[in-house]
Amino acid sequence: MGRDRREVGHEIHVLSNMIGRKIDEEKRQRNMGDVSPVQTWVIRYLHDHKGQEICQRDLERDFNITRSTVTGILQLMEKKGYIVRVSVPTDARLKQILLTNQGEALYYEFRDHIQTMEKLLVQGMTEEEIDQLIFLLGKIRKNLTT
């Protein structure tokens, strides 16, 4: 007996793989092979939240990844010169994460690709369908966190 065609988890997994391959293909074309997909998302997140006090726990929460995973990502990004971590004046235990000039430059290198990818993902959908998709994905996320 075959797989049920209505397996949402399988479809999301396949889409995730397809998006990852598209991102990898674009990185190869731009000679950005040493930047992982999660690093590009972190760089974009930091750029989009510039001027806000972003710490490791914000990334853990907003990307829904563990502390140890975020620590590894940030250590590698710091080593590559994409970010710096500086003490927060109000709490010395916290480290604010900031993009370096190199990290900012990298953001601008792949910004157009991200926008193109977003357009490709919703091509042929109406605004209402996009809103519904975002709503439904939010419900799935909520189901997985409760």
C-alpha atoms as a PDB file:
ATOM      1  CA  MET A   1       0.000   0.000   0.000  1.00  0.00           C
ATOM      2  CA  GLY A   2       1.386   3.410  -0.985  1.00  0.00           C
ATOM      3  CA  ARG A   3       2.002   6.516   1.050  1.00  0.00           C
ATOM      4  CA  ASP A   4      -1.058   8.616   1.874  1.00  0.00           C
ATOM      5  CA  ARG A   5      -1.003  11.583  -0.510  1.00  0.00           C
ATOM      6  CA  ARG A   6      -2.180  13.866   2.270  1.00  0.00           C
ATOM      7  CA  GLU A   7       0.893  13.612   4.483  1.00  0.00           C
ATOM      8  CA  VAL A   8       1.619  17.214   5.338  1.00  0.00           C
ATOM      9  CA  GLY A   9       4.915  16.421   7.067  1.00  0.00           C
ATOM     10  CA  HIS A  10       6.257  14.680   3.973  1.00  0.00           C
ATOM     11  CA  GLU A  11       5.317  17.615   1.722  1.00  0.00           C
ATOM     12  CA  ILE A  12       6.973  20.100   4.080  1.00  0.00           C
ATOM     13  CA  HIS A  13      10.105  17.935   4.218  1.00  0.00           C
ATOM     14  CA  VAL A  14      10.274  17.717   0.407  1.00  0.00           C
ATOM     15  CA  LEU A  15       9.781  21.483   0.068  1.00  0.00           C
ATOM     16  CA  SER A  16      12.500  22.128   2.637  1.00  0.00           C
ATOM     17  CA  ASN A  17      14.921  19.965   0.662  1.00  0.00           C
ATOM     18  CA  MET A  18      13.993  21.679  -2.608  1.00  0.00           C
ATOM     19  CA  ILE A  19      14.469  25.151  -1.116  1.00  0.00           C
ATOM     20  CA  GLY A  20      17.829  24.101   0.352  1.00  0.00           C
ATOM     21  CA  ARG A  21      19.006  22.858  -3.049  1.00  0.00           C
ATOM     22  CA  LYS A  22      17.941  26.122  -4.726  1.00  0.00           C
ATOM     23  CA  ILE A  23      19.831  28.113  -2.098  1.00  0.00           C
ATOM     24  CA  ASP A  24      22.921  25.915  -2.505  1.00  0.00           C
ATOM     25  CA  GLU A  25      22.770  26.313  -6.291  1.00  0.00           C
ATOM     26  CA  GLU A  26      22.636  30.092  -5.989  1.00  0.00           C
ATOM     27  CA  LYS A  27      25.516  30.112  -3.484  1.00  0.00           C
ATOM     28  CA  ARG A  28      27.670  28.081  -5.873  1.00  0.00           C
ATOM     29  CA  GLN A  29      26.930  30.528  -8.686  1.00  0.00           C
ATOM     30  CA  ARG A  30      27.959  33.429  -6.435  1.00  0.00           C
ATOM     31  CA  ASN A  31      31.002  31.667  -4.919  1.00  0.00           C
ATOM     32  CA  MET A  32      29.397  31.765  -1.478  1.00  0.00           C
ATOM     33  CA  GLY A  33      29.867  28.064  -0.753  1.00  0.00           C
ATOM     34  CA  ASP A  34      31.189  28.548   2.778  1.00  0.00           C
ATOM     35  CA  VAL A  35      27.959  30.178   4.008  1.00  0.00           C
ATOM     36  CA  SER A  36      25.382  27.670   5.251  1.00  0.00           C
ATOM     37  CA  PRO A  37      21.643  28.242   4.723  1.00  0.00           C
ATOM     38  CA  VAL A  38      21.129  28.806   8.452  1.00  0.00           C
ATOM     39  CA  GLN A  39      23.924  31.403   8.461  1.00  0.00           C
ATOM     40  CA  THR A  40      22.148  33.280   5.657  1.00  0.00           C
ATOM     41  CA  TRP A  41      18.926  33.254   7.697  1.00  0.00           C
ATOM     42  CA  VAL A  42      20.747  34.510  10.800  1.00  0.00           C
ATOM     43  CA  ILE A  43      22.427  37.280   8.796  1.00  0.00           C
ATOM     44  CA  ARG A  44      19.069  38.288   7.333  1.00  0.00           C
ATOM     45  CA  TYR A  45      17.454  38.200  10.788  1.00  0.00           C
ATOM     46  CA  LEU A  46      20.190  40.387  12.295  1.00  0.00           C
ATOM     47  CA  HIS A  47      19.961  42.827   9.391  1.00  0.00           C
ATOM     48  CA  ASP A  48      16.162  43.023   9.673  1.00  0.00           C
ATOM     49  CA  HIS A  49      16.431  43.643  13.441  1.00  0.00           C
ATOM     50  CA  LYS A  50      19.259  46.168  13.236  1.00  0.00           C
ATOM     51  CA  GLY A  51      19.005  48.675  16.068  1.00  0.00           C
ATOM     52  CA  GLN A  52      17.366  46.120  18.355  1.00  0.00           C
ATOM     53  CA  GLU A  53      19.166  44.275  21.117  1.00  0.00           C
ATOM     54  CA  ILE A  54      19.359  40.741  19.657  1.00  0.00           C
ATOM     55  CA  CYS A  55      20.885  38.066  21.882  1.00  0.00           C
ATOM     56  CA  GLN A  56      21.352  34.331  21.515  1.00  0.00           C
ATOM     57  CA  ARG A  57      18.054  33.520  23.229  1.00  0.00           C
ATOM     58  CA  ASP A  58      16.214  35.554  20.560  1.00  0.00           C
ATOM     59  CA  LEU A  59      17.664  33.320  17.854  1.00  0.00           C
ATOM     60  CA  GLU A  60      16.836  30.194  19.876  1.00  0.00           C
ATOM     61  CA  ARG A  61      13.227  31.341  20.189  1.00  0.00           C
ATOM     62  CA  ASP A  62      12.640  32.752  16.714  1.00  0.00           C
ATOM     63  CA  PHE A  63      14.375  29.912  14.835  1.00  0.00           C
ATOM     64  CA  ASN A  64      13.163  27.257  17.293  1.00  0.00           C
ATOM     65  CA  ILE A  65      16.614  25.724  17.664  1.00  0.00           C
ATOM     66  CA  THR A  66      18.522  24.609  20.741  1.00  0.00           C
ATOM     67  CA  ARG A  67      21.028  26.675  22.675  1.00  0.00           C
ATOM     68  CA  SER A  68      23.889  24.360  21.680  1.00  0.00           C
ATOM     69  CA  THR A  69      22.963  24.624  17.989  1.00  0.00           C
ATOM     70  CA  VAL A  70      22.818  28.425  18.141  1.00  0.00           C
ATOM     71  CA  THR A  71      26.122  28.502  20.033  1.00  0.00           C
ATOM     72  CA  GLY A  72      27.803  26.476  17.280  1.00  0.00           C
ATOM     73  CA  ILE A  73      26.322  28.643  14.527  1.00  0.00           C
ATOM     74  CA  LEU A  74      27.394  31.868  16.235  1.00  0.00           C
ATOM     75  CA  GLN A  75      30.900  30.619  17.023  1.00  0.00           C
ATOM     76  CA  LEU A  76      31.443  29.735  13.376  1.00  0.00           C
ATOM     77  CA  MET A  77      29.965  33.021  12.158  1.00  0.00           C
ATOM     78  CA  GLU A  78      32.182  34.930  14.593  1.00  0.00           C
ATOM     79  CA  LYS A  79      35.233  32.991  13.410  1.00  0.00           C
ATOM     80  CA  LYS A  80      34.380  33.846   9.786  1.00  0.00           C
ATOM     81  CA  GLY A  81      34.035  37.521  10.717  1.00  0.00           C
ATOM     82  CA  TYR A  82      30.297  37.859   9.972  1.00  0.00           C
ATOM     83  CA  ILE A  83      29.254  38.817  13.519  1.00  0.00           C
ATOM     84  CA  VAL A  84      30.598  40.113  16.809  1.00  0.00           C
ATOM     85  CA  ARG A  85      29.163  39.574  20.274  1.00  0.00           C
ATOM     86  CA  VAL A  86      29.334  42.487  22.697  1.00  0.00           C
ATOM     87  CA  SER A  87      28.265  42.767  26.325  1.00  0.00           C
ATOM     88  CA  VAL A  88      24.876  44.309  26.963  1.00  0.00           C
ATOM     89  CA  PRO A  89      25.271  47.398  29.193  1.00  0.00           C
ATOM     90  CA  THR A  90      22.279  46.470  31.379  1.00  0.00           C
ATOM     91  CA  ASP A  91      23.290  42.812  31.905  1.00  0.00           C
ATOM     92  CA  ALA A  92      26.918  41.711  31.527  1.00  0.00           C
ATOM     93  CA  ARG A  93      25.795  38.067  31.241  1.00  0.00           C
ATOM     94  CA  LEU A  94      24.087  38.787  27.927  1.00  0.00           C
ATOM     95  CA  LYS A  95      25.886  39.279  24.640  1.00  0.00           C
ATOM     96  CA  GLN A  96      24.295  41.315  21.887  1.00  0.00           C
ATOM     97  CA  ILE A  97      24.906  39.918  18.404  1.00  0.00           C
ATOM     98  CA  LEU A  98      25.841  42.444  15.733  1.00  0.00           C
ATOM     99  CA  LEU A  99      26.652  42.068  12.059  1.00  0.00           C
ATOM    100  CA  THR A 100      30.125  43.170  11.069  1.00  0.00           C
ATOM    101  CA  ASN A 101      30.738  45.113   7.866  1.00  0.00           C
ATOM    102  CA  GLN A 102      31.581  41.763   6.278  1.00  0.00           C
ATOM    103  CA  GLY A 103      28.257  40.313   7.472  1.00  0.00           C
ATOM    104  CA  GLU A 104      26.363  43.330   6.130  1.00  0.00           C
ATOM    105  CA  ALA A 105      28.115  43.018   2.765  1.00  0.00           C
ATOM    106  CA  LEU A 106      27.163  39.348   2.652  1.00  0.00           C
ATOM    107  CA  TYR A 107      23.530  40.253   3.333  1.00  0.00           C
ATOM    108  CA  TYR A 108      23.478  42.574   0.334  1.00  0.00           C
ATOM    109  CA  GLU A 109      25.094  39.875  -1.806  1.00  0.00           C
ATOM    110  CA  PHE A 110      22.261  37.422  -1.246  1.00  0.00           C
ATOM    111  CA  ARG A 111      19.339  39.815  -0.613  1.00  0.00           C
ATOM    112  CA  ASP A 112      18.217  39.790  -4.235  1.00  0.00           C
ATOM    113  CA  HIS A 113      18.332  35.997  -4.301  1.00  0.00           C
ATOM    114  CA  ILE A 114      16.136  35.796  -1.196  1.00  0.00           C
ATOM    115  CA  GLN A 115      13.588  38.132  -2.774  1.00  0.00           C
ATOM    116  CA  THR A 116      13.639  36.096  -5.998  1.00  0.00           C
ATOM    117  CA  MET A 117      13.195  32.874  -4.020  1.00  0.00           C
ATOM    118  CA  GLU A 118      10.248  34.337  -2.109  1.00  0.00           C
ATOM    119  CA  LYS A 119       8.587  35.357  -5.388  1.00  0.00           C
ATOM    120  CA  LEU A 120       9.191  31.880  -6.820  1.00  0.00           C
ATOM    121  CA  LEU A 121       7.661  30.204  -3.760  1.00  0.00           C
ATOM    122  CA  VAL A 122       4.368  32.097  -4.099  1.00  0.00           C
ATOM    123  CA  GLN A 123       4.237  32.318  -7.885  1.00  0.00           C
ATOM    124  CA  GLY A 124       0.677  31.781  -9.116  1.00  0.00           C
ATOM    125  CA  MET A 125      -0.867  32.372  -5.676  1.00  0.00           C
ATOM    126  CA  THR A 126      -3.284  35.156  -4.845  1.00  0.00           C
ATOM    127  CA  GLU A 127      -2.674  37.411  -1.846  1.00  0.00           C
ATOM    128  CA  GLU A 128      -5.495  35.577  -0.072  1.00  0.00           C
ATOM    129  CA  GLU A 129      -3.846  32.205  -0.759  1.00  0.00           C
ATOM    130  CA  ILE A 130      -0.514  33.496   0.552  1.00  0.00           C
ATOM    131  CA  ASP A 131      -2.230  34.792   3.700  1.00  0.00           C
ATOM    132  CA  GLN A 132      -3.984  31.433   4.123  1.00  0.00           C
ATOM    133  CA  LEU A 133      -0.704  29.536   3.650  1.00  0.00           C
ATOM    134  CA  ILE A 134       1.044  31.677   6.270  1.00  0.00           C
ATOM    135  CA  PHE A 135      -1.918  31.168   8.616  1.00  0.00           C
ATOM    136  CA  LEU A 136      -1.902  27.380   8.136  1.00  0.00           C
ATOM    137  CA  LEU A 137       1.862  27.122   8.568  1.00  0.00           C
ATOM    138  CA  GLY A 138       1.480  29.113  11.781  1.00  0.00           C
ATOM    139  CA  LYS A 139      -1.097  26.594  12.998  1.00  0.00           C
ATOM    140  CA  ILE A 140       1.309  23.740  12.260  1.00  0.00           C
ATOM    141  CA  ARG A 141       4.070  25.556  14.130  1.00  0.00           C
ATOM    142  CA  LYS A 142       1.741  26.103  17.087  1.00  0.00           C
ATOM    143  CA  ASN A 143       0.738  22.413  17.055  1.00  0.00           C
ATOM    144  CA  LEU A 144       4.392  21.442  17.284  1.00  0.00           C
ATOM    145  CA  THR A 145       5.186  23.804  20.150  1.00  0.00           C
ATOM    146  CA  THR A 146       2.261  22.952  22.446  1.00  0.00           C
END
